[in-house]
Amino acid sequence: MEEFIILMRLDILTKEAQPSPEQMQVYMKMYHDWVGGIAAQNKFGGGKGLSTEGRVIKANNIITDGPYVEIKESIAGFIVIKANNFDEAVAIAKDCPILKGEGNSVEVRKIVTVHENN
């Protein structure tokens, strides 16, 4: 099996796009149920949520607050999954409850090694 990362993007700036506390409870339960289903198949490799605060460092030592300064859609978190191929990884990602939100998206990327173990 190969490892894939599922990046979850949400609109973190638009006030109207933010769920109420009650909606957030429902969404979090759906998310935990989804991850639980992946874990039950022994395909969950971990994951984390990300804060909305960040810094972007560009060439010539240019540092800006962000990443949301330039775009309102930001990576809210990620999970790592195991799948036999891209098609299976995409099939798992398509069930992500984050996709129920207007303008939200997920991105599936295969994890490849660029560093050698010494």
PDB file of N, CA and C in Angstrom:
ATOM      1  N   MET A   1       0.835  -1.191   0.000  1.00  0.00           N
ATOM      2  CA  MET A   1       0.000   0.000   0.000  1.00  0.00           C
ATOM      3  C   MET A   1       0.874   1.247   0.000  1.00  0.00           C
ATOM      4  N   GLU A   2       0.342   2.285  -0.582  1.00  0.00           N
ATOM      5  CA  GLU A   2       1.045   3.556  -0.640  1.00  0.00           C
ATOM      6  C   GLU A   2       0.376   4.547   0.315  1.00  0.00           C
ATOM      7  N   GLU A   3       1.107   5.615   0.642  1.00  0.00           N
ATOM      8  CA  GLU A   3       0.550   6.651   1.507  1.00  0.00           C
ATOM      9  C   GLU A   3       0.121   7.851   0.679  1.00  0.00           C
ATOM     10  N   PHE A   4      -1.004   8.428   1.084  1.00  0.00           N
ATOM     11  CA  PHE A   4      -1.544   9.616   0.441  1.00  0.00           C
ATOM     12  C   PHE A   4      -1.925  10.611   1.526  1.00  0.00           C
ATOM     13  N   ILE A   5      -1.842  11.887   1.185  1.00  0.00           N
ATOM     14  CA  ILE A   5      -2.287  12.927   2.107  1.00  0.00           C
ATOM     15  C   ILE A   5      -3.564  13.532   1.526  1.00  0.00           C
ATOM     16  N   ILE A   6      -4.523  13.749   2.397  1.00  0.00           N
ATOM     17  CA  ILE A   6      -5.749  14.439   2.009  1.00  0.00           C
ATOM     18  C   ILE A   6      -5.711  15.800   2.689  1.00  0.00           C
ATOM     19  N   LEU A   7      -5.572  16.851   1.888  1.00  0.00           N
ATOM     20  CA  LEU A   7      -5.543  18.222   2.383  1.00  0.00           C
ATOM     21  C   LEU A   7      -6.959  18.773   2.335  1.00  0.00           C
ATOM     22  N   MET A   8      -7.413  19.329   3.442  1.00  0.00           N
ATOM     23  CA  MET A   8      -8.782  19.839   3.526  1.00  0.00           C
ATOM     24  C   MET A   8      -8.765  21.361   3.525  1.00  0.00           C
ATOM     25  N   ARG A   9      -9.421  21.948   2.540  1.00  0.00           N
ATOM     26  CA  ARG A   9      -9.444  23.401   2.385  1.00  0.00           C
ATOM     27  C   ARG A   9     -10.824  23.956   2.725  1.00  0.00           C
ATOM     28  N   LEU A  10     -10.820  25.019   3.515  1.00  0.00           N
ATOM     29  CA  LEU A  10     -12.056  25.680   3.932  1.00  0.00           C
ATOM     30  C   LEU A  10     -11.909  27.182   3.778  1.00  0.00           C
ATOM     31  N   ASP A  11     -13.028  27.867   3.663  1.00  0.00           N
ATOM     32  CA  ASP A  11     -13.048  29.325   3.704  1.00  0.00           C
ATOM     33  C   ASP A  11     -12.994  29.719   5.174  1.00  0.00           C
ATOM     34  N   ILE A  12     -11.864  30.258   5.593  1.00  0.00           N
ATOM     35  CA  ILE A  12     -11.705  30.599   7.012  1.00  0.00           C
ATOM     36  C   ILE A  12     -11.875  32.091   7.279  1.00  0.00           C
ATOM     37  N   LEU A  13     -12.172  32.863   6.248  1.00  0.00           N
ATOM     38  CA  LEU A  13     -12.280  34.310   6.415  1.00  0.00           C
ATOM     39  C   LEU A  13     -13.703  34.851   6.374  1.00  0.00           C
ATOM     40  N   THR A  14     -14.513  34.350   5.463  1.00  0.00           N
ATOM     41  CA  THR A  14     -15.857  34.884   5.293  1.00  0.00           C
ATOM     42  C   THR A  14     -16.723  34.516   6.491  1.00  0.00           C
ATOM     43  N   LYS A  15     -17.195  35.536   7.188  1.00  0.00           N
ATOM     44  CA  LYS A  15     -17.973  35.318   8.407  1.00  0.00           C
ATOM     45  C   LYS A  15     -19.200  34.435   8.153  1.00  0.00           C
ATOM     46  N   GLU A  16     -19.870  34.652   7.017  1.00  0.00           N
ATOM     47  CA  GLU A  16     -21.077  33.882   6.704  1.00  0.00           C
ATOM     48  C   GLU A  16     -20.768  32.404   6.442  1.00  0.00           C
ATOM     49  N   ALA A  17     -19.545  32.096   6.092  1.00  0.00           N
ATOM     50  CA  ALA A  17     -19.170  30.709   5.796  1.00  0.00           C
ATOM     51  C   ALA A  17     -18.859  29.905   7.053  1.00  0.00           C
ATOM     52  N   GLN A  18     -18.743  30.588   8.193  1.00  0.00           N
ATOM     53  CA  GLN A  18     -18.370  29.893   9.427  1.00  0.00           C
ATOM     54  C   GLN A  18     -19.596  29.228  10.046  1.00  0.00           C
ATOM     55  N   PRO A  19     -19.476  27.964  10.447  1.00  0.00           N
ATOM     56  CA  PRO A  19     -20.617  27.265  11.047  1.00  0.00           C
ATOM     57  C   PRO A  19     -20.887  27.757  12.463  1.00  0.00           C
ATOM     58  N   SER A  20     -22.145  27.629  12.872  1.00  0.00           N
ATOM     59  CA  SER A  20     -22.511  27.930  14.261  1.00  0.00           C
ATOM     60  C   SER A  20     -21.903  26.845  15.145  1.00  0.00           C
ATOM     61  N   PRO A  21     -21.830  27.069  16.460  1.00  0.00           N
ATOM     62  CA  PRO A  21     -21.314  26.014  17.350  1.00  0.00           C
ATOM     63  C   PRO A  21     -22.097  24.704  17.220  1.00  0.00           C
ATOM     64  N   GLU A  22     -23.409  24.812  17.020  1.00  0.00           N
ATOM     65  CA  GLU A  22     -24.224  23.607  16.868  1.00  0.00           C
ATOM     66  C   GLU A  22     -23.879  22.877  15.567  1.00  0.00           C
ATOM     67  N   GLN A  23     -23.743  23.652  14.480  1.00  0.00           N
ATOM     68  CA  GLN A  23     -23.368  23.047  13.208  1.00  0.00           C
ATOM     69  C   GLN A  23     -21.981  22.412  13.307  1.00  0.00           C
ATOM     70  N   MET A  24     -21.078  23.083  14.016  1.00  0.00           N
ATOM     71  CA  MET A  24     -19.719  22.562  14.162  1.00  0.00           C
ATOM     72  C   MET A  24     -19.734  21.209  14.865  1.00  0.00           C
ATOM     73  N   GLN A  25     -20.589  21.043  15.867  1.00  0.00           N
ATOM     74  CA  GLN A  25     -20.693  19.747  16.551  1.00  0.00           C
ATOM     75  C   GLN A  25     -21.134  18.656  15.571  1.00  0.00           C
ATOM     76  N   VAL A  26     -22.120  18.962  14.745  1.00  0.00           N
ATOM     77  CA  VAL A  26     -22.607  17.991  13.758  1.00  0.00           C
ATOM     78  C   VAL A  26     -21.493  17.659  12.770  1.00  0.00           C
ATOM     79  N   TYR A  27     -20.806  18.692  12.274  1.00  0.00           N
ATOM     80  CA  TYR A  27     -19.739  18.481  11.299  1.00  0.00           C
ATOM     81  C   TYR A  27     -18.597  17.662  11.897  1.00  0.00           C
ATOM     82  N   MET A  28     -18.242  17.946  13.140  1.00  0.00           N
ATOM     83  CA  MET A  28     -17.144  17.219  13.776  1.00  0.00           C
ATOM     84  C   MET A  28     -17.506  15.752  13.981  1.00  0.00           C
ATOM     85  N   LYS A  29     -18.765  15.481  14.324  1.00  0.00           N
ATOM     86  CA  LYS A  29     -19.187  14.085  14.469  1.00  0.00           C
ATOM     87  C   LYS A  29     -19.085  13.371  13.123  1.00  0.00           C
ATOM     88  N   MET A  30     -19.544  14.030  12.054  1.00  0.00           N
ATOM     89  CA  MET A  30     -19.456  13.432  10.717  1.00  0.00           C
ATOM     90  C   MET A  30     -17.994  13.167  10.356  1.00  0.00           C
ATOM     91  N   TYR A  31     -17.132  14.129  10.678  1.00  0.00           N
ATOM     92  CA  TYR A  31     -15.711  13.985  10.366  1.00  0.00           C
ATOM     93  C   TYR A  31     -15.114  12.817  11.142  1.00  0.00           C
ATOM     94  N   HIS A  32     -15.398  12.744  12.446  1.00  0.00           N
ATOM     95  CA  HIS A  32     -14.844  11.653  13.260  1.00  0.00           C
ATOM     96  C   HIS A  32     -15.389  10.295  12.814  1.00  0.00           C
ATOM     97  N   ASP A  33     -16.650  10.247  12.409  1.00  0.00           N
ATOM     98  CA  ASP A  33     -17.208   8.991  11.888  1.00  0.00           C
ATOM     99  C   ASP A  33     -16.495   8.581  10.599  1.00  0.00           C
ATOM    100  N   TRP A  34     -16.230   9.563   9.730  1.00  0.00           N
ATOM    101  CA  TRP A  34     -15.523   9.293   8.470  1.00  0.00           C
ATOM    102  C   TRP A  34     -14.120   8.762   8.752  1.00  0.00           C
ATOM    103  N   VAL A  35     -13.380   9.444   9.623  1.00  0.00           N
ATOM    104  CA  VAL A  35     -12.022   8.998   9.969  1.00  0.00           C
ATOM    105  C   VAL A  35     -12.076   7.635  10.660  1.00  0.00           C
ATOM    106  N   GLY A  36     -13.083   7.419  11.506  1.00  0.00           N
ATOM    107  CA  GLY A  36     -13.233   6.127  12.175  1.00  0.00           C
ATOM    108  C   GLY A  36     -13.429   4.997  11.184  1.00  0.00           C
ATOM    109  N   GLY A  37     -14.173   5.266  10.115  1.00  0.00           N
ATOM    110  CA  GLY A  37     -14.368   4.263   9.072  1.00  0.00           C
ATOM    111  C   GLY A  37     -13.068   3.931   8.349  1.00  0.00           C
ATOM    112  N   ILE A  38     -12.250   4.966   8.124  1.00  0.00           N
ATOM    113  CA  ILE A  38     -10.948   4.737   7.488  1.00  0.00           C
ATOM    114  C   ILE A  38     -10.053   3.927   8.431  1.00  0.00           C
ATOM    115  N   ALA A  39     -10.057   4.283   9.711  1.00  0.00           N
ATOM    116  CA  ALA A  39      -9.248   3.566  10.705  1.00  0.00           C
ATOM    117  C   ALA A  39      -9.697   2.114  10.840  1.00  0.00           C
ATOM    118  N   ALA A  40     -11.012   1.872  10.753  1.00  0.00           N
ATOM    119  CA  ALA A  40     -11.532   0.505  10.864  1.00  0.00           C
ATOM    120  C   ALA A  40     -11.020  -0.385   9.730  1.00  0.00           C
ATOM    121  N   GLN A  41     -10.665   0.228   8.603  1.00  0.00           N
ATOM    122  CA  GLN A  41     -10.100  -0.523   7.477  1.00  0.00           C
ATOM    123  C   GLN A  41      -8.577  -0.608   7.565  1.00  0.00           C
ATOM    124  N   ASN A  42      -8.026  -0.099   8.668  1.00  0.00           N
ATOM    125  CA  ASN A  42      -6.579  -0.060   8.888  1.00  0.00           C
ATOM    126  C   ASN A  42      -5.866   0.750   7.788  1.00  0.00           C
ATOM    127  N   LYS A  43      -6.511   1.854   7.382  1.00  0.00           N
ATOM    128  CA  LYS A  43      -5.955   2.699   6.331  1.00  0.00           C
ATOM    129  C   LYS A  43      -5.678   4.124   6.817  1.00  0.00           C
ATOM    130  N   PHE A  44      -5.841   4.386   8.106  1.00  0.00           N
ATOM    131  CA  PHE A  44      -5.616   5.724   8.643  1.00  0.00           C
ATOM    132  C   PHE A  44      -4.197   5.829   9.168  1.00  0.00           C
ATOM    133  N   GLY A  45      -3.472   6.820   8.681  1.00  0.00           N
ATOM    134  CA  GLY A  45      -2.082   6.995   9.087  1.00  0.00           C
ATOM    135  C   GLY A  45      -1.845   8.183  10.001  1.00  0.00           C
ATOM    136  N   GLY A  46      -2.893   8.914  10.368  1.00  0.00           N
ATOM    137  CA  GLY A  46      -2.754  10.064  11.248  1.00  0.00           C
ATOM    138  C   GLY A  46      -3.254  11.328  10.574  1.00  0.00           C
ATOM    139  N   GLY A  47      -3.261  12.387  11.339  1.00  0.00           N
ATOM    140  CA  GLY A  47      -3.712  13.658  10.788  1.00  0.00           C
ATOM    141  C   GLY A  47      -3.669  14.740  11.837  1.00  0.00           C
ATOM    142  N   LYS A  48      -3.829  15.966  11.396  1.00  0.00           N
ATOM    143  CA  LYS A  48      -3.791  17.121  12.291  1.00  0.00           C
ATOM    144  C   LYS A  48      -4.673  18.216  11.721  1.00  0.00           C
ATOM    145  N   GLY A  49      -5.161  19.058  12.604  1.00  0.00           N
ATOM    146  CA  GLY A  49      -5.807  20.298  12.203  1.00  0.00           C
ATOM    147  C   GLY A  49      -4.757  21.391  12.241  1.00  0.00           C
ATOM    148  N   LEU A  50      -5.000  22.473  11.529  1.00  0.00           N
ATOM    149  CA  LEU A  50      -4.056  23.584  11.485  1.00  0.00           C
ATOM    150  C   LEU A  50      -4.731  24.859  11.960  1.00  0.00           C
ATOM    151  N   SER A  51      -3.984  25.697  12.656  1.00  0.00           N
ATOM    152  CA  SER A  51      -4.526  26.978  13.101  1.00  0.00           C
ATOM    153  C   SER A  51      -4.703  27.904  11.910  1.00  0.00           C
ATOM    154  N   THR A  52      -5.475  28.948  12.094  1.00  0.00           N
ATOM    155  CA  THR A  52      -5.660  29.917  11.015  1.00  0.00           C
ATOM    156  C   THR A  52      -4.490  30.888  10.937  1.00  0.00           C
ATOM    157  N   GLU A  53      -3.692  30.949  11.967  1.00  0.00           N
ATOM    158  CA  GLU A  53      -2.532  31.838  11.969  1.00  0.00           C
ATOM    159  C   GLU A  53      -1.383  31.191  11.213  1.00  0.00           C
ATOM    160  N   GLY A  54      -0.654  31.984  10.467  1.00  0.00           N
ATOM    161  CA  GLY A  54       0.483  31.448   9.745  1.00  0.00           C
ATOM    162  C   GLY A  54       1.335  32.558   9.176  1.00  0.00           C
ATOM    163  N   ARG A  55       2.456  32.189   8.629  1.00  0.00           N
ATOM    164  CA  ARG A  55       3.357  33.113   7.956  1.00  0.00           C
ATOM    165  C   ARG A  55       3.783  32.461   6.647  1.00  0.00           C
ATOM    166  N   VAL A  56       3.911  33.257   5.618  1.00  0.00           N
ATOM    167  CA  VAL A  56       4.400  32.782   4.332  1.00  0.00           C
ATOM    168  C   VAL A  56       5.753  33.439   4.096  1.00  0.00           C
ATOM    169  N   ILE A  57       6.745  32.622   3.801  1.00  0.00           N
ATOM    170  CA  ILE A  57       8.095  33.112   3.537  1.00  0.00           C
ATOM    171  C   ILE A  57       8.359  32.906   2.049  1.00  0.00           C
ATOM    172  N   LYS A  58       8.727  33.987   1.379  1.00  0.00           N
ATOM    173  CA  LYS A  58       8.986  33.938  -0.061  1.00  0.00           C
ATOM    174  C   LYS A  58      10.443  34.278  -0.318  1.00  0.00           C
ATOM    175  N   ALA A  59      10.827  34.152  -1.575  1.00  0.00           N
ATOM    176  CA  ALA A  59      12.194  34.501  -1.976  1.00  0.00           C
ATOM    177  C   ALA A  59      12.528  35.920  -1.528  1.00  0.00           C
ATOM    178  N   ASN A  60      13.792  36.181  -1.361  1.00  0.00           N
ATOM    179  CA  ASN A  60      14.292  37.482  -0.925  1.00  0.00           C
ATOM    180  C   ASN A  60      13.843  37.828   0.490  1.00  0.00           C
ATOM    181  N   ASN A  61      13.575  36.790   1.279  1.00  0.00           N
ATOM    182  CA  ASN A  61      13.237  36.938   2.695  1.00  0.00           C
ATOM    183  C   ASN A  61      11.989  37.793   2.929  1.00  0.00           C
ATOM    184  N   ILE A  62      11.020  37.699   2.039  1.00  0.00           N
ATOM    185  CA  ILE A  62       9.755  38.412   2.194  1.00  0.00           C
ATOM    186  C   ILE A  62       8.836  37.534   3.031  1.00  0.00           C
ATOM    187  N   ILE A  63       8.383  38.065   4.157  1.00  0.00           N
ATOM    188  CA  ILE A  63       7.526  37.327   5.081  1.00  0.00           C
ATOM    189  C   ILE A  63       6.200  38.075   5.195  1.00  0.00           C
ATOM    190  N   THR A  64       5.100  37.352   4.993  1.00  0.00           N
ATOM    191  CA  THR A  64       3.781  37.958   5.119  1.00  0.00           C
ATOM    192  C   THR A  64       2.932  37.125   6.064  1.00  0.00           C
ATOM    193  N   ASP A  65       1.956  37.776   6.680  1.00  0.00           N
ATOM    194  CA  ASP A  65       0.958  37.022   7.427  1.00  0.00           C
ATOM    195  C   ASP A  65       0.163  36.234   6.410  1.00  0.00           C
ATOM    196  N   GLY A  66      -0.242  35.079   6.790  1.00  0.00           N
ATOM    197  CA  GLY A  66      -1.007  34.317   5.812  1.00  0.00           C
ATOM    198  C   GLY A  66      -1.041  32.862   6.198  1.00  0.00           C
ATOM    199  N   PRO A  67      -1.457  32.064   5.332  1.00  0.00           N
ATOM    200  CA  PRO A  67      -1.580  32.155   3.881  1.00  0.00           C
ATOM    201  C   PRO A  67      -2.858  32.846   3.419  1.00  0.00           C
ATOM    202  N   TYR A  68      -3.724  33.155   4.341  1.00  0.00           N
ATOM    203  CA  TYR A  68      -5.037  33.663   3.984  1.00  0.00           C
ATOM    204  C   TYR A  68      -5.049  35.101   3.518  1.00  0.00           C
ATOM    205  N   VAL A  69      -3.934  35.779   3.540  1.00  0.00           N
ATOM    206  CA  VAL A  69      -3.872  37.155   3.060  1.00  0.00           C
ATOM    207  C   VAL A  69      -4.212  37.210   1.571  1.00  0.00           C
ATOM    208  N   GLU A  70      -3.737  36.257   0.805  1.00  0.00           N
ATOM    209  CA  GLU A  70      -3.928  36.284  -0.640  1.00  0.00           C
ATOM    210  C   GLU A  70      -5.144  35.482  -1.100  1.00  0.00           C
ATOM    211  N   ILE A  71      -5.550  34.489  -0.321  1.00  0.00           N
ATOM    212  CA  ILE A  71      -6.703  33.671  -0.695  1.00  0.00           C
ATOM    213  C   ILE A  71      -7.544  33.424   0.543  1.00  0.00           C
ATOM    214  N   LYS A  72      -8.860  33.326   0.366  1.00  0.00           N
ATOM    215  CA  LYS A  72      -9.698  33.099   1.532  1.00  0.00           C
ATOM    216  C   LYS A  72      -9.818  31.621   1.869  1.00  0.00           C
ATOM    217  N   GLU A  73      -9.511  30.750   0.905  1.00  0.00           N
ATOM    218  CA  GLU A  73      -9.552  29.317   1.150  1.00  0.00           C
ATOM    219  C   GLU A  73      -8.202  28.884   1.691  1.00  0.00           C
ATOM    220  N   SER A  74      -8.198  28.246   2.840  1.00  0.00           N
ATOM    221  CA  SER A  74      -6.945  27.872   3.477  1.00  0.00           C
ATOM    222  C   SER A  74      -6.988  26.408   3.895  1.00  0.00           C
ATOM    223  N   ILE A  75      -5.827  25.802   4.005  1.00  0.00           N
ATOM    224  CA  ILE A  75      -5.765  24.417   4.464  1.00  0.00           C
ATOM    225  C   ILE A  75      -6.079  24.392   5.955  1.00  0.00           C
ATOM    226  N   ALA A  76      -7.152  23.710   6.301  1.00  0.00           N
ATOM    227  CA  ALA A  76      -7.601  23.631   7.688  1.00  0.00           C
ATOM    228  C   ALA A  76      -7.008  22.427   8.409  1.00  0.00           C
ATOM    229  N   GLY A  77      -6.593  21.430   7.655  1.00  0.00           N
ATOM    230  CA  GLY A  77      -6.031  20.231   8.254  1.00  0.00           C
ATOM    231  C   GLY A  77      -5.737  19.194   7.195  1.00  0.00           C
ATOM    232  N   PHE A  78      -5.259  18.062   7.665  1.00  0.00           N
ATOM    233  CA  PHE A  78      -4.912  16.993   6.734  1.00  0.00           C
ATOM    234  C   PHE A  78      -4.971  15.661   7.460  1.00  0.00           C
ATOM    235  N   ILE A  79      -5.136  14.609   6.676  1.00  0.00           N
ATOM    236  CA  ILE A  79      -4.957  13.255   7.198  1.00  0.00           C
ATOM    237  C   ILE A  79      -4.084  12.497   6.213  1.00  0.00           C
ATOM    238  N   VAL A  80      -3.424  11.489   6.716  1.00  0.00           N
ATOM    239  CA  VAL A  80      -2.626  10.586   5.897  1.00  0.00           C
ATOM    240  C   VAL A  80      -3.370   9.261   5.866  1.00  0.00           C
ATOM    241  N   ILE A  81      -3.533   8.730   4.663  1.00  0.00           N
ATOM    242  CA  ILE A  81      -4.217   7.439   4.520  1.00  0.00           C
ATOM    243  C   ILE A  81      -3.329   6.480   3.741  1.00  0.00           C
ATOM    244  N   LYS A  82      -3.669   5.209   3.829  1.00  0.00           N
ATOM    245  CA  LYS A  82      -3.018   4.172   3.036  1.00  0.00           C
ATOM    246  C   LYS A  82      -4.032   3.683   2.011  1.00  0.00           C
ATOM    247  N   ALA A  83      -3.579   3.535   0.777  1.00  0.00           N
ATOM    248  CA  ALA A  83      -4.452   3.049  -0.287  1.00  0.00           C
ATOM    249  C   ALA A  83      -3.604   2.305  -1.304  1.00  0.00           C
ATOM    250  N   ASN A  84      -4.258   1.447  -2.067  1.00  0.00           N
ATOM    251  CA  ASN A  84      -3.550   0.671  -3.082  1.00  0.00           C
ATOM    252  C   ASN A  84      -3.116   1.523  -4.265  1.00  0.00           C
ATOM    253  N   ASN A  85      -3.876   2.598  -4.547  1.00  0.00           N
ATOM    254  CA  ASN A  85      -3.568   3.443  -5.697  1.00  0.00           C
ATOM    255  C   ASN A  85      -4.325   4.769  -5.566  1.00  0.00           C
ATOM    256  N   PHE A  86      -4.107   5.659  -6.525  1.00  0.00           N
ATOM    257  CA  PHE A  86      -4.752   6.969  -6.516  1.00  0.00           C
ATOM    258  C   PHE A  86      -6.268   6.851  -6.540  1.00  0.00           C
ATOM    259  N   ASP A  87      -6.788   5.924  -7.347  1.00  0.00           N
ATOM    260  CA  ASP A  87      -8.239   5.784  -7.454  1.00  0.00           C
ATOM    261  C   ASP A  87      -8.863   5.445  -6.108  1.00  0.00           C
ATOM    262  N   GLU A  88      -8.233   4.539  -5.371  1.00  0.00           N
ATOM    263  CA  GLU A  88      -8.766   4.185  -4.053  1.00  0.00           C
ATOM    264  C   GLU A  88      -8.654   5.370  -3.093  1.00  0.00           C
ATOM    265  N   ALA A  89      -7.552   6.098  -3.142  1.00  0.00           N
ATOM    266  CA  ALA A  89      -7.375   7.266  -2.275  1.00  0.00           C
ATOM    267  C   ALA A  89      -8.432   8.325  -2.574  1.00  0.00           C
ATOM    268  N   VAL A  90      -8.704   8.543  -3.852  1.00  0.00           N
ATOM    269  CA  VAL A  90      -9.727   9.521  -4.240  1.00  0.00           C
ATOM    270  C   VAL A  90     -11.108   9.058  -3.787  1.00  0.00           C
ATOM    271  N   ALA A  91     -11.376   7.767  -3.892  1.00  0.00           N
ATOM    272  CA  ALA A  91     -12.670   7.236  -3.446  1.00  0.00           C
ATOM    273  C   ALA A  91     -12.863   7.481  -1.960  1.00  0.00           C
ATOM    274  N   ILE A  92     -11.816   7.323  -1.178  1.00  0.00           N
ATOM    275  CA  ILE A  92     -11.889   7.597   0.261  1.00  0.00           C
ATOM    276  C   ILE A  92     -12.111   9.090   0.485  1.00  0.00           C
ATOM    277  N   ALA A  93     -11.366   9.928  -0.222  1.00  0.00           N
ATOM    278  CA  ALA A  93     -11.451  11.381  -0.040  1.00  0.00           C
ATOM    279  C   ALA A  93     -12.816  11.930  -0.440  1.00  0.00           C
ATOM    280  N   LYS A  94     -13.461  11.326  -1.434  1.00  0.00           N
ATOM    281  CA  LYS A  94     -14.758  11.814  -1.899  1.00  0.00           C
ATOM    282  C   LYS A  94     -15.823  11.769  -0.815  1.00  0.00           C
ATOM    283  N   ASP A  95     -15.625  10.949   0.206  1.00  0.00           N
ATOM    284  CA  ASP A  95     -16.593  10.848   1.299  1.00  0.00           C
ATOM    285  C   ASP A  95     -16.303  11.830   2.437  1.00  0.00           C
ATOM    286  N   CYS A  96     -15.289  12.665   2.291  1.00  0.00           N
ATOM    287  CA  CYS A  96     -14.935  13.613   3.342  1.00  0.00           C
ATOM    288  C   CYS A  96     -16.096  14.582   3.576  1.00  0.00           C
ATOM    289  N   PRO A  97     -16.595  14.675   4.801  1.00  0.00           N
ATOM    290  CA  PRO A  97     -17.730  15.551   5.076  1.00  0.00           C
ATOM    291  C   PRO A  97     -17.434  17.035   4.872  1.00  0.00           C
ATOM    292  N   ILE A  98     -16.189  17.406   4.809  1.00  0.00           N
ATOM    293  CA  ILE A  98     -15.849  18.810   4.553  1.00  0.00           C
ATOM    294  C   ILE A  98     -16.404  19.251   3.202  1.00  0.00           C
ATOM    295  N   LEU A  99     -16.568  18.312   2.284  1.00  0.00           N
ATOM    296  CA  LEU A  99     -17.075  18.642   0.957  1.00  0.00           C
ATOM    297  C   LEU A  99     -18.535  19.080   0.976  1.00  0.00           C
ATOM    298  N   LYS A 100     -19.215  18.923   2.097  1.00  0.00           N
ATOM    299  CA  LYS A 100     -20.603  19.366   2.215  1.00  0.00           C
ATOM    300  C   LYS A 100     -20.689  20.889   2.349  1.00  0.00           C
ATOM    301  N   GLY A 101     -19.580  21.541   2.678  1.00  0.00           N
ATOM    302  CA  GLY A 101     -19.564  22.990   2.839  1.00  0.00           C
ATOM    303  C   GLY A 101     -19.358  23.708   1.514  1.00  0.00           C
ATOM    304  N   GLU A 102     -20.078  24.791   1.322  1.00  0.00           N
ATOM    305  CA  GLU A 102     -19.980  25.611   0.108  1.00  0.00           C
ATOM    306  C   GLU A 102     -18.549  26.085  -0.106  1.00  0.00           C
ATOM    307  N   GLY A 103     -17.985  25.782  -1.269  1.00  0.00           N
ATOM    308  CA  GLY A 103     -16.655  26.254  -1.609  1.00  0.00           C
ATOM    309  C   GLY A 103     -15.509  25.459  -1.009  1.00  0.00           C
ATOM    310  N   ASN A 104     -15.800  24.472  -0.179  1.00  0.00           N
ATOM    311  CA  ASN A 104     -14.745  23.667   0.419  1.00  0.00           C
ATOM    312  C   ASN A 104     -14.210  22.673  -0.605  1.00  0.00           C
ATOM    313  N   SER A 105     -12.992  22.206  -0.367  1.00  0.00           N
ATOM    314  CA  SER A 105     -12.410  21.217  -1.272  1.00  0.00           C
ATOM    315  C   SER A 105     -11.411  20.353  -0.517  1.00  0.00           C
ATOM    316  N   VAL A 106     -11.102  19.219  -1.108  1.00  0.00           N
ATOM    317  CA  VAL A 106     -10.026  18.369  -0.608  1.00  0.00           C
ATOM    318  C   VAL A 106      -9.087  18.083  -1.769  1.00  0.00           C
ATOM    319  N   GLU A 107      -7.838  17.902  -1.432  1.00  0.00           N
ATOM    320  CA  GLU A 107      -6.829  17.574  -2.435  1.00  0.00           C
ATOM    321  C   GLU A 107      -6.150  16.295  -2.004  1.00  0.00           C
ATOM    322  N   VAL A 108      -5.972  15.371  -2.923  1.00  0.00           N
ATOM    323  CA  VAL A 108      -5.303  14.098  -2.644  1.00  0.00           C
ATOM    324  C   VAL A 108      -3.944  14.126  -3.325  1.00  0.00           C
ATOM    325  N   ARG A 109      -2.912  13.863  -2.540  1.00  0.00           N
ATOM    326  CA  ARG A 109      -1.550  13.830  -3.084  1.00  0.00           C
ATOM    327  C   ARG A 109      -0.857  12.576  -2.576  1.00  0.00           C
ATOM    328  N   LYS A 110      -0.138  11.923  -3.454  1.00  0.00           N
ATOM    329  CA  LYS A 110       0.662  10.766  -3.058  1.00  0.00           C
ATOM    330  C   LYS A 110       1.890  11.269  -2.309  1.00  0.00           C
ATOM    331  N   ILE A 111       2.229  10.603  -1.227  1.00  0.00           N
ATOM    332  CA  ILE A 111       3.411  10.965  -0.451  1.00  0.00           C
ATOM    333  C   ILE A 111       4.601  10.214  -1.044  1.00  0.00           C
ATOM    334  N   VAL A 112       5.612  10.966  -1.429  1.00  0.00           N
ATOM    335  CA  VAL A 112       6.822  10.376  -1.993  1.00  0.00           C
ATOM    336  C   VAL A 112       8.006  10.769  -1.126  1.00  0.00           C
ATOM    337  N   THR A 113       9.005   9.958  -1.139  1.00  0.00           N
ATOM    338  CA  THR A 113      10.199  10.209  -0.331  1.00  0.00           C
ATOM    339  C   THR A 113      11.201  11.012  -1.133  1.00  0.00           C
ATOM    340  N   VAL A 114      11.648  12.119  -0.538  1.00  0.00           N
ATOM    341  CA  VAL A 114      12.699  12.927  -1.180  1.00  0.00           C
ATOM    342  C   VAL A 114      13.971  12.938  -0.332  1.00  0.00           C
ATOM    343  N   HIS A 115      13.868  12.363   0.849  1.00  0.00           N
ATOM    344  CA  HIS A 115      15.033  12.309   1.749  1.00  0.00           C
ATOM    345  C   HIS A 115      15.445  10.860   1.937  1.00  0.00           C
ATOM    346  N   GLU A 116      16.720  10.618   1.900  1.00  0.00           N
ATOM    347  CA  GLU A 116      17.216   9.266   2.162  1.00  0.00           C
ATOM    348  C   GLU A 116      17.424   9.106   3.647  1.00  0.00           C
ATOM    349  N   ASN A 117      17.118   7.938   4.163  1.00  0.00           N
ATOM    350  CA  ASN A 117      17.388   7.634   5.571  1.00  0.00           C
ATOM    351  C   ASN A 117      18.874   7.321   5.732  1.00  0.00           C
ATOM    352  N   ASN A 118      19.489   7.956   6.677  1.00  0.00           N
ATOM    353  CA  ASN A 118      20.916   7.689   6.928  1.00  0.00           C
ATOM    354  C   ASN A 118      21.087   6.881   8.175  1.00  0.00           C
TER     355      ASN A 118
END
